[in-house]
Amino acid sequence: MSKVPFVIKLGGRLFDHADALQKLLQVCADIQTIRPLVLVHGGGDQVTAQLRALGFYPDSGEPKLAGQRITALEHLPVIAGVLAGDLNSQLCALAQQAQLNAVGLTLAAGNSISCQVDTSRGAVGVPAPNQPQLLQGLLDQGFTPIISSLGVAPDGQRLNVNADLAAAAVARLIGADLALLTDVEGILAANGDLIPNITSAEATPLIDSGVVQGGMLVKLTAALDTARASRRSIAVAGWRNASALIELAQGHHVGTRILL
């Protein structure tokens, strides 16, 4: 019986912590000896910095709706350059140094992930699993796909995709377990304590009361949707303790576990 793949989503903030990123990639190399591995990354902080440097966000800050960036069509060349160019190539280079046989991809490579346009957020994609052949073939040959959260609309227009949603779609595509990494140890209650397990019913009051909001709301929604669709292990966990990912890959409890 083949081993269940493991999808790990890395946030753009991790790129600003070189030592932590290096340690995490070394742990990923260990994980790949246990099971096939896919990395999906965003880069929101780097995109914001580049757009601000070019004068797109002079004073008003970046516009968001329910934790997701609103993307103007004219921003796409910059976003594509940051995500699929700078960050993806950087991550692939670092992964090679950590003895991961990295292959840099976008969501559209091999028609892996299809996207519909989220018109409420502009040039933003809503990702869905499509064709698994490319990713499955790479995993079967021992490669580590590293996927940037850049998608393509049915008409060929490039789209910005939230990386948590992108990672969730990739996990559903290949029937993988999923870890959404974040700056904190997991989903936190109103008093700041870690919530070790959470169900959809338990999530609703946390969302309605505003305890879970912004980027964490997107993570929780993506995790719940993936759990319902795939019935695989889903976790929201912190990236600062990279060694804990080994335990997660081995099926142990780390961070917040999403339950049906």
C-alpha atoms as a PDB file:
ATOM      1  CA  MET A   1       0.000   0.000   0.000  1.00  0.00           C
ATOM      2  CA  SER A   2       1.449   3.382  -0.998  1.00  0.00           C
ATOM      3  CA  LYS A   3       2.191   5.964   1.681  1.00  0.00           C
ATOM      4  CA  VAL A   4      -0.180   8.898   2.135  1.00  0.00           C
ATOM      5  CA  PRO A   5       1.411  12.154   0.909  1.00  0.00           C
ATOM      6  CA  PHE A   6       1.893  15.105   3.242  1.00  0.00           C
ATOM      7  CA  VAL A   7       1.197  18.694   2.131  1.00  0.00           C
ATOM      8  CA  ILE A   8       2.734  21.524   4.151  1.00  0.00           C
ATOM      9  CA  LYS A   9       1.745  25.140   3.590  1.00  0.00           C
ATOM     10  CA  LEU A  10       4.440  27.729   4.297  1.00  0.00           C
ATOM     11  CA  GLY A  11       3.517  31.371   4.809  1.00  0.00           C
ATOM     12  CA  GLY A  12       5.481  34.259   3.357  1.00  0.00           C
ATOM     13  CA  ARG A  13       6.518  35.428   6.826  1.00  0.00           C
ATOM     14  CA  LEU A  14       8.751  32.394   7.129  1.00  0.00           C
ATOM     15  CA  PHE A  15      10.958  33.798   4.347  1.00  0.00           C
ATOM     16  CA  ASP A  16      11.918  36.626   6.721  1.00  0.00           C
ATOM     17  CA  HIS A  17      13.344  34.138   9.253  1.00  0.00           C
ATOM     18  CA  ALA A  18      16.244  32.487   7.470  1.00  0.00           C
ATOM     19  CA  ASP A  19      17.322  30.222  10.339  1.00  0.00           C
ATOM     20  CA  ALA A  20      13.787  28.972  10.958  1.00  0.00           C
ATOM     21  CA  LEU A  21      13.255  28.334   7.241  1.00  0.00           C
ATOM     22  CA  GLN A  22      16.507  26.397   7.000  1.00  0.00           C
ATOM     23  CA  LYS A  23      15.583  24.245  10.006  1.00  0.00           C
ATOM     24  CA  LEU A  24      12.125  23.602   8.612  1.00  0.00           C
ATOM     25  CA  LEU A  25      13.510  22.462   5.260  1.00  0.00           C
ATOM     26  CA  GLN A  26      15.945  20.139   7.012  1.00  0.00           C
ATOM     27  CA  VAL A  27      12.992  18.638   8.869  1.00  0.00           C
ATOM     28  CA  CYS A  28      11.151  18.352   5.550  1.00  0.00           C
ATOM     29  CA  ALA A  29      14.056  16.288   4.214  1.00  0.00           C
ATOM     30  CA  ASP A  30      13.579  13.928   7.158  1.00  0.00           C
ATOM     31  CA  ILE A  31       9.832  13.806   6.560  1.00  0.00           C
ATOM     32  CA  GLN A  32      10.381  12.816   2.951  1.00  0.00           C
ATOM     33  CA  THR A  33      12.126   9.663   4.120  1.00  0.00           C
ATOM     34  CA  ILE A  34       8.827   8.756   5.812  1.00  0.00           C
ATOM     35  CA  ARG A  35       6.292   9.774   3.172  1.00  0.00           C
ATOM     36  CA  PRO A  36       5.908  11.805  -0.068  1.00  0.00           C
ATOM     37  CA  LEU A  37       5.980  15.565   0.509  1.00  0.00           C
ATOM     38  CA  VAL A  38       4.569  18.647  -1.231  1.00  0.00           C
ATOM     39  CA  LEU A  39       5.238  22.229  -0.130  1.00  0.00           C
ATOM     40  CA  VAL A  40       2.818  25.037  -1.001  1.00  0.00           C
ATOM     41  CA  HIS A  41       3.806  28.624  -0.285  1.00  0.00           C
ATOM     42  CA  GLY A  42       2.356  32.094  -0.337  1.00  0.00           C
ATOM     43  CA  GLY A  43       4.160  35.377   0.088  1.00  0.00           C
ATOM     44  CA  GLY A  44       1.699  38.003   1.261  1.00  0.00           C
ATOM     45  CA  ASP A  45       4.223  40.112   3.152  1.00  0.00           C
ATOM     46  CA  GLN A  46       6.644  40.148   0.230  1.00  0.00           C
ATOM     47  CA  VAL A  47       3.868  40.962  -2.251  1.00  0.00           C
ATOM     48  CA  THR A  48       2.677  43.832  -0.063  1.00  0.00           C
ATOM     49  CA  ALA A  49       6.209  45.205   0.290  1.00  0.00           C
ATOM     50  CA  GLN A  50       6.804  45.110  -3.463  1.00  0.00           C
ATOM     51  CA  LEU A  51       3.448  46.682  -4.321  1.00  0.00           C
ATOM     52  CA  ARG A  52       4.039  49.398  -1.731  1.00  0.00           C
ATOM     53  CA  ALA A  53       7.529  50.050  -3.097  1.00  0.00           C
ATOM     54  CA  LEU A  54       5.992  50.544  -6.547  1.00  0.00           C
ATOM     55  CA  GLY A  55       3.421  52.998  -5.190  1.00  0.00           C
ATOM     56  CA  PHE A  56       0.313  50.808  -5.351  1.00  0.00           C
ATOM     57  CA  TYR A  57      -0.384  51.162  -1.595  1.00  0.00           C
ATOM     58  CA  PRO A  58       0.699  54.736  -0.814  1.00  0.00           C
ATOM     59  CA  ASP A  59      -1.077  55.263   2.528  1.00  0.00           C
ATOM     60  CA  SER A  60      -4.250  53.221   2.659  1.00  0.00           C
ATOM     61  CA  GLY A  61      -2.600  49.818   3.195  1.00  0.00           C
ATOM     62  CA  GLU A  62      -3.508  46.601   1.417  1.00  0.00           C
ATOM     63  CA  PRO A  63      -7.244  46.004   0.964  1.00  0.00           C
ATOM     64  CA  LYS A  64      -8.611  42.723   2.339  1.00  0.00           C
ATOM     65  CA  LEU A  65     -11.977  41.041   2.598  1.00  0.00           C
ATOM     66  CA  ALA A  66     -12.468  38.396   5.344  1.00  0.00           C
ATOM     67  CA  GLY A  67      -8.725  37.870   5.648  1.00  0.00           C
ATOM     68  CA  GLN A  68      -8.029  37.536   1.915  1.00  0.00           C
ATOM     69  CA  ARG A  69      -6.287  40.122  -0.241  1.00  0.00           C
ATOM     70  CA  ILE A  70      -8.289  42.065  -2.823  1.00  0.00           C
ATOM     71  CA  THR A  71      -6.184  41.964  -5.983  1.00  0.00           C
ATOM     72  CA  ALA A  72      -6.363  44.457  -8.822  1.00  0.00           C
ATOM     73  CA  LEU A  73      -5.671  43.047 -12.270  1.00  0.00           C
ATOM     74  CA  GLU A  74      -2.770  45.467 -12.785  1.00  0.00           C
ATOM     75  CA  HIS A  75      -1.053  43.986  -9.711  1.00  0.00           C
ATOM     76  CA  LEU A  76      -0.725  40.515 -11.259  1.00  0.00           C
ATOM     77  CA  PRO A  77       2.652  41.010 -12.980  1.00  0.00           C
ATOM     78  CA  VAL A  78       4.136  42.064  -9.651  1.00  0.00           C
ATOM     79  CA  ILE A  79       2.433  39.266  -7.718  1.00  0.00           C
ATOM     80  CA  ALA A  80       3.502  36.646 -10.263  1.00  0.00           C
ATOM     81  CA  GLY A  81       7.069  37.917 -10.108  1.00  0.00           C
ATOM     82  CA  VAL A  82       7.156  37.673  -6.332  1.00  0.00           C
ATOM     83  CA  LEU A  83       5.359  34.333  -5.912  1.00  0.00           C
ATOM     84  CA  ALA A  84       6.329  32.252  -8.950  1.00  0.00           C
ATOM     85  CA  GLY A  85       9.635  34.022  -9.552  1.00  0.00           C
ATOM     86  CA  ASP A  86      11.500  35.309  -6.521  1.00  0.00           C
ATOM     87  CA  LEU A  87      10.061  33.250  -3.673  1.00  0.00           C
ATOM     88  CA  ASN A  88       9.564  29.975  -5.506  1.00  0.00           C
ATOM     89  CA  SER A  89      13.068  29.984  -6.950  1.00  0.00           C
ATOM     90  CA  GLN A  90      14.490  30.969  -3.560  1.00  0.00           C
ATOM     91  CA  LEU A  91      12.637  28.177  -1.797  1.00  0.00           C
ATOM     92  CA  CYS A  92      13.670  25.624  -4.411  1.00  0.00           C
ATOM     93  CA  ALA A  93      17.324  26.640  -4.047  1.00  0.00           C
ATOM     94  CA  LEU A  94      17.197  26.345  -0.262  1.00  0.00           C
ATOM     95  CA  ALA A  95      15.369  23.031  -0.520  1.00  0.00           C
ATOM     96  CA  GLN A  96      18.089  21.645  -2.782  1.00  0.00           C
ATOM     97  CA  GLN A  97      20.649  22.620  -0.138  1.00  0.00           C
ATOM     98  CA  ALA A  98      18.595  20.616   2.372  1.00  0.00           C
ATOM     99  CA  GLN A  99      18.784  17.555   0.060  1.00  0.00           C
ATOM    100  CA  LEU A 100      15.211  17.859  -1.177  1.00  0.00           C
ATOM    101  CA  ASN A 101      14.875  17.146  -4.899  1.00  0.00           C
ATOM    102  CA  ALA A 102      12.748  20.245  -5.475  1.00  0.00           C
ATOM    103  CA  VAL A 103      10.637  21.064  -8.529  1.00  0.00           C
ATOM    104  CA  GLY A 104       9.156  24.578  -8.667  1.00  0.00           C
ATOM    105  CA  LEU A 105       5.572  24.819  -9.967  1.00  0.00           C
ATOM    106  CA  THR A 106       2.494  27.004 -10.034  1.00  0.00           C
ATOM    107  CA  LEU A 107      -0.995  25.711  -9.302  1.00  0.00           C
ATOM    108  CA  ALA A 108      -1.763  25.566 -13.027  1.00  0.00           C
ATOM    109  CA  ALA A 109       1.157  23.272 -13.904  1.00  0.00           C
ATOM    110  CA  GLY A 110      -0.178  20.123 -15.516  1.00  0.00           C
ATOM    111  CA  ASN A 111      -3.725  21.428 -15.010  1.00  0.00           C
ATOM    112  CA  SER A 112      -3.298  20.326 -11.403  1.00  0.00           C
ATOM    113  CA  ILE A 113      -5.532  22.970  -9.837  1.00  0.00           C
ATOM    114  CA  SER A 114      -8.287  24.823 -11.672  1.00  0.00           C
ATOM    115  CA  CYS A 115      -9.540  28.242 -10.545  1.00  0.00           C
ATOM    116  CA  GLN A 116     -12.701  30.232 -10.823  1.00  0.00           C
ATOM    117  CA  VAL A 117     -12.555  33.996 -10.376  1.00  0.00           C
ATOM    118  CA  ASP A 118     -13.611  35.367  -7.004  1.00  0.00           C
ATOM    119  CA  THR A 119     -15.191  38.542  -8.395  1.00  0.00           C
ATOM    120  CA  SER A 120     -15.681  39.996  -4.909  1.00  0.00           C
ATOM    121  CA  ARG A 121     -11.896  40.169  -4.548  1.00  0.00           C
ATOM    122  CA  GLY A 122     -10.856  41.054  -8.097  1.00  0.00           C
ATOM    123  CA  ALA A 123      -8.199  38.950  -9.816  1.00  0.00           C
ATOM    124  CA  VAL A 124      -8.344  36.246  -7.148  1.00  0.00           C
ATOM    125  CA  GLY A 125      -8.807  32.540  -7.762  1.00  0.00           C
ATOM    126  CA  VAL A 126     -10.977  30.019  -5.955  1.00  0.00           C
ATOM    127  CA  PRO A 127      -8.932  26.806  -6.320  1.00  0.00           C
ATOM    128  CA  ALA A 128     -10.297  23.320  -6.898  1.00  0.00           C
ATOM    129  CA  PRO A 129      -8.592  19.938  -7.524  1.00  0.00           C
ATOM    130  CA  ASN A 130      -8.383  19.053 -11.202  1.00  0.00           C
ATOM    131  CA  GLN A 131      -5.773  16.640 -12.597  1.00  0.00           C
ATOM    132  CA  PRO A 132      -3.396  14.796 -10.214  1.00  0.00           C
ATOM    133  CA  GLN A 133      -1.190  13.117 -12.805  1.00  0.00           C
ATOM    134  CA  LEU A 134       1.715  15.593 -12.720  1.00  0.00           C
ATOM    135  CA  LEU A 135       2.020  15.826  -8.949  1.00  0.00           C
ATOM    136  CA  GLN A 136       1.491  12.115  -8.445  1.00  0.00           C
ATOM    137  CA  GLY A 137       4.104  11.322 -11.071  1.00  0.00           C
ATOM    138  CA  LEU A 138       6.645  13.641  -9.437  1.00  0.00           C
ATOM    139  CA  LEU A 139       6.002  12.139  -6.019  1.00  0.00           C
ATOM    140  CA  ASP A 140       6.320   8.611  -7.397  1.00  0.00           C
ATOM    141  CA  GLN A 141       9.756   9.549  -8.741  1.00  0.00           C
ATOM    142  CA  GLY A 142      10.952  11.012  -5.440  1.00  0.00           C
ATOM    143  CA  PHE A 143      10.682  14.711  -6.288  1.00  0.00           C
ATOM    144  CA  THR A 144       9.432  17.394  -3.910  1.00  0.00           C
ATOM    145  CA  PRO A 145       6.969  19.692  -5.693  1.00  0.00           C
ATOM    146  CA  ILE A 146       7.160  23.267  -4.366  1.00  0.00           C
ATOM    147  CA  ILE A 147       4.059  25.115  -5.507  1.00  0.00           C
ATOM    148  CA  SER A 148       3.467  28.856  -5.482  1.00  0.00           C
ATOM    149  CA  SER A 149      -0.083  30.089  -4.949  1.00  0.00           C
ATOM    150  CA  LEU A 150      -0.480  31.500  -8.451  1.00  0.00           C
ATOM    151  CA  GLY A 151      -3.448  30.184 -10.424  1.00  0.00           C
ATOM    152  CA  VAL A 152      -5.023  30.612 -13.854  1.00  0.00           C
ATOM    153  CA  ALA A 153      -8.624  31.433 -14.766  1.00  0.00           C
ATOM    154  CA  PRO A 154     -10.526  29.485 -17.459  1.00  0.00           C
ATOM    155  CA  ASP A 155      -9.773  32.312 -19.912  1.00  0.00           C
ATOM    156  CA  GLY A 156      -6.024  32.137 -19.211  1.00  0.00           C
ATOM    157  CA  GLN A 157      -5.825  35.146 -16.911  1.00  0.00           C
ATOM    158  CA  ARG A 158      -3.394  34.696 -14.034  1.00  0.00           C
ATOM    159  CA  LEU A 159      -4.940  34.842 -10.567  1.00  0.00           C
ATOM    160  CA  ASN A 160      -3.716  35.447  -7.056  1.00  0.00           C
ATOM    161  CA  VAL A 161      -4.784  32.553  -4.791  1.00  0.00           C
ATOM    162  CA  ASN A 162      -4.789  32.460  -1.015  1.00  0.00           C
ATOM    163  CA  ALA A 163      -2.036  29.999  -0.088  1.00  0.00           C
ATOM    164  CA  ASP A 164      -4.059  28.228   2.613  1.00  0.00           C
ATOM    165  CA  LEU A 165      -6.855  27.558   0.138  1.00  0.00           C
ATOM    166  CA  ALA A 166      -4.278  26.523  -2.462  1.00  0.00           C
ATOM    167  CA  ALA A 167      -2.658  24.018  -0.096  1.00  0.00           C
ATOM    168  CA  ALA A 168      -6.065  22.623   0.840  1.00  0.00           C
ATOM    169  CA  ALA A 169      -6.909  22.083  -2.835  1.00  0.00           C
ATOM    170  CA  VAL A 170      -3.572  20.353  -3.435  1.00  0.00           C
ATOM    171  CA  ALA A 171      -4.158  18.079  -0.441  1.00  0.00           C
ATOM    172  CA  ARG A 172      -7.572  17.090  -1.776  1.00  0.00           C
ATOM    173  CA  LEU A 173      -6.081  16.555  -5.244  1.00  0.00           C
ATOM    174  CA  ILE A 174      -3.644  13.862  -4.111  1.00  0.00           C
ATOM    175  CA  GLY A 175      -5.485  12.555  -1.021  1.00  0.00           C
ATOM    176  CA  ALA A 176      -2.870  13.964   1.334  1.00  0.00           C
ATOM    177  CA  ASP A 177      -2.697  14.896   4.986  1.00  0.00           C
ATOM    178  CA  LEU A 178      -2.395  18.661   5.427  1.00  0.00           C
ATOM    179  CA  ALA A 179      -0.510  20.993   7.773  1.00  0.00           C
ATOM    180  CA  LEU A 180      -1.207  24.724   7.572  1.00  0.00           C
ATOM    181  CA  LEU A 181       1.690  26.475   9.281  1.00  0.00           C
ATOM    182  CA  THR A 182       1.204  29.749  11.118  1.00  0.00           C
ATOM    183  CA  ASP A 183       3.056  32.180  13.405  1.00  0.00           C
ATOM    184  CA  VAL A 184       1.425  30.793  16.555  1.00  0.00           C
ATOM    185  CA  GLU A 185       1.206  27.236  17.842  1.00  0.00           C
ATOM    186  CA  GLY A 186      -2.285  26.661  16.455  1.00  0.00           C
ATOM    187  CA  ILE A 187      -5.791  28.048  16.786  1.00  0.00           C
ATOM    188  CA  LEU A 188      -6.131  29.962  20.046  1.00  0.00           C
ATOM    189  CA  ALA A 189      -9.135  30.470  22.320  1.00  0.00           C
ATOM    190  CA  ALA A 190     -10.219  33.910  23.550  1.00  0.00           C
ATOM    191  CA  ASN A 191      -7.907  33.559  26.573  1.00  0.00           C
ATOM    192  CA  GLY A 192      -4.928  32.734  24.368  1.00  0.00           C
ATOM    193  CA  ASP A 193      -4.809  29.018  25.155  1.00  0.00           C
ATOM    194  CA  LEU A 194      -4.213  26.520  22.364  1.00  0.00           C
ATOM    195  CA  ILE A 195      -7.304  24.677  21.156  1.00  0.00           C
ATOM    196  CA  PRO A 196      -6.015  21.099  20.657  1.00  0.00           C
ATOM    197  CA  ASN A 197      -9.053  19.841  18.703  1.00  0.00           C
ATOM    198  CA  ILE A 198     -11.862  21.661  16.921  1.00  0.00           C
ATOM    199  CA  THR A 199     -14.954  20.582  15.028  1.00  0.00           C
ATOM    200  CA  SER A 200     -17.139  22.537  12.651  1.00  0.00           C
ATOM    201  CA  ALA A 201     -19.762  22.990  15.370  1.00  0.00           C
ATOM    202  CA  GLU A 202     -17.144  24.276  17.808  1.00  0.00           C
ATOM    203  CA  ALA A 203     -15.669  26.605  15.193  1.00  0.00           C
ATOM    204  CA  THR A 204     -18.908  28.484  14.541  1.00  0.00           C
ATOM    205  CA  PRO A 205     -19.091  30.400  17.855  1.00  0.00           C
ATOM    206  CA  LEU A 206     -15.390  31.241  17.653  1.00  0.00           C
ATOM    207  CA  ILE A 207     -15.927  32.752  14.220  1.00  0.00           C
ATOM    208  CA  ASP A 208     -19.178  34.521  15.131  1.00  0.00           C
ATOM    209  CA  SER A 209     -17.608  36.090  18.218  1.00  0.00           C
ATOM    210  CA  GLY A 210     -14.530  37.269  16.318  1.00  0.00           C
ATOM    211  CA  VAL A 211     -12.075  35.102  18.267  1.00  0.00           C
ATOM    212  CA  VAL A 212     -11.012  33.544  14.966  1.00  0.00           C
ATOM    213  CA  GLN A 213     -10.690  36.138  12.212  1.00  0.00           C
ATOM    214  CA  GLY A 214      -8.463  37.395   9.407  1.00  0.00           C
ATOM    215  CA  GLY A 215      -5.844  34.969   8.186  1.00  0.00           C
ATOM    216  CA  MET A 216      -6.655  32.379  10.851  1.00  0.00           C
ATOM    217  CA  LEU A 217     -10.281  32.378   9.709  1.00  0.00           C
ATOM    218  CA  VAL A 218      -9.119  31.458   6.195  1.00  0.00           C
ATOM    219  CA  LYS A 219      -6.934  28.658   7.614  1.00  0.00           C
ATOM    220  CA  LEU A 220      -9.747  27.256   9.720  1.00  0.00           C
ATOM    221  CA  THR A 221     -12.238  27.370   6.842  1.00  0.00           C
ATOM    222  CA  ALA A 222      -9.773  25.687   4.478  1.00  0.00           C
ATOM    223  CA  ALA A 223      -8.975  23.019   7.056  1.00  0.00           C
ATOM    224  CA  LEU A 224     -12.626  22.242   7.786  1.00  0.00           C
ATOM    225  CA  ASP A 225     -13.502  22.049   4.083  1.00  0.00           C
ATOM    226  CA  THR A 226     -10.569  19.707   3.455  1.00  0.00           C
ATOM    227  CA  ALA A 227     -11.451  17.495   6.388  1.00  0.00           C
ATOM    228  CA  ARG A 228     -15.015  17.138   5.088  1.00  0.00           C
ATOM    229  CA  ALA A 229     -13.863  16.446   1.533  1.00  0.00           C
ATOM    230  CA  SER A 230     -10.974  14.066   2.132  1.00  0.00           C
ATOM    231  CA  ARG A 231     -11.308  12.743   5.690  1.00  0.00           C
ATOM    232  CA  ARG A 232      -7.526  12.961   6.013  1.00  0.00           C
ATOM    233  CA  SER A 233      -5.529  14.324   8.959  1.00  0.00           C
ATOM    234  CA  ILE A 234      -5.608  18.142   8.990  1.00  0.00           C
ATOM    235  CA  ALA A 235      -3.715  20.386  11.411  1.00  0.00           C
ATOM    236  CA  VAL A 236      -3.011  24.066  11.980  1.00  0.00           C
ATOM    237  CA  ALA A 237       0.396  24.307  13.639  1.00  0.00           C
ATOM    238  CA  GLY A 238       3.252  26.732  14.305  1.00  0.00           C
ATOM    239  CA  TRP A 239       6.362  26.860  12.147  1.00  0.00           C
ATOM    240  CA  ARG A 240       8.657  28.023  14.952  1.00  0.00           C
ATOM    241  CA  ASN A 241       9.000  24.465  16.305  1.00  0.00           C
ATOM    242  CA  ALA A 242       9.973  22.762  13.064  1.00  0.00           C
ATOM    243  CA  SER A 243      10.906  19.461  14.714  1.00  0.00           C
ATOM    244  CA  ALA A 244       7.274  19.022  15.785  1.00  0.00           C
ATOM    245  CA  LEU A 245       6.417  18.520  12.116  1.00  0.00           C
ATOM    246  CA  ILE A 246       8.132  15.139  12.272  1.00  0.00           C
ATOM    247  CA  GLU A 247       5.655  14.115  14.961  1.00  0.00           C
ATOM    248  CA  LEU A 248       2.798  15.449  12.827  1.00  0.00           C
ATOM    249  CA  ALA A 249       4.029  13.485   9.807  1.00  0.00           C
ATOM    250  CA  GLN A 250       4.124  10.377  11.987  1.00  0.00           C
ATOM    251  CA  GLY A 251       0.486  10.860  12.954  1.00  0.00           C
ATOM    252  CA  HIS A 252       1.005  12.394  16.390  1.00  0.00           C
ATOM    253  CA  HIS A 253      -0.943  15.364  17.725  1.00  0.00           C
ATOM    254  CA  VAL A 254       0.638  18.783  17.127  1.00  0.00           C
ATOM    255  CA  GLY A 255      -1.040  22.199  17.106  1.00  0.00           C
ATOM    256  CA  THR A 256      -4.790  22.211  16.495  1.00  0.00           C
ATOM    257  CA  ARG A 257      -6.287  19.103  14.945  1.00  0.00           C
ATOM    258  CA  ILE A 258      -9.366  19.568  12.753  1.00  0.00           C
ATOM    259  CA  LEU A 259     -12.108  17.046  13.395  1.00  0.00           C
ATOM    260  CA  LEU A 260     -15.375  16.350  11.570  1.00  0.00           C
END
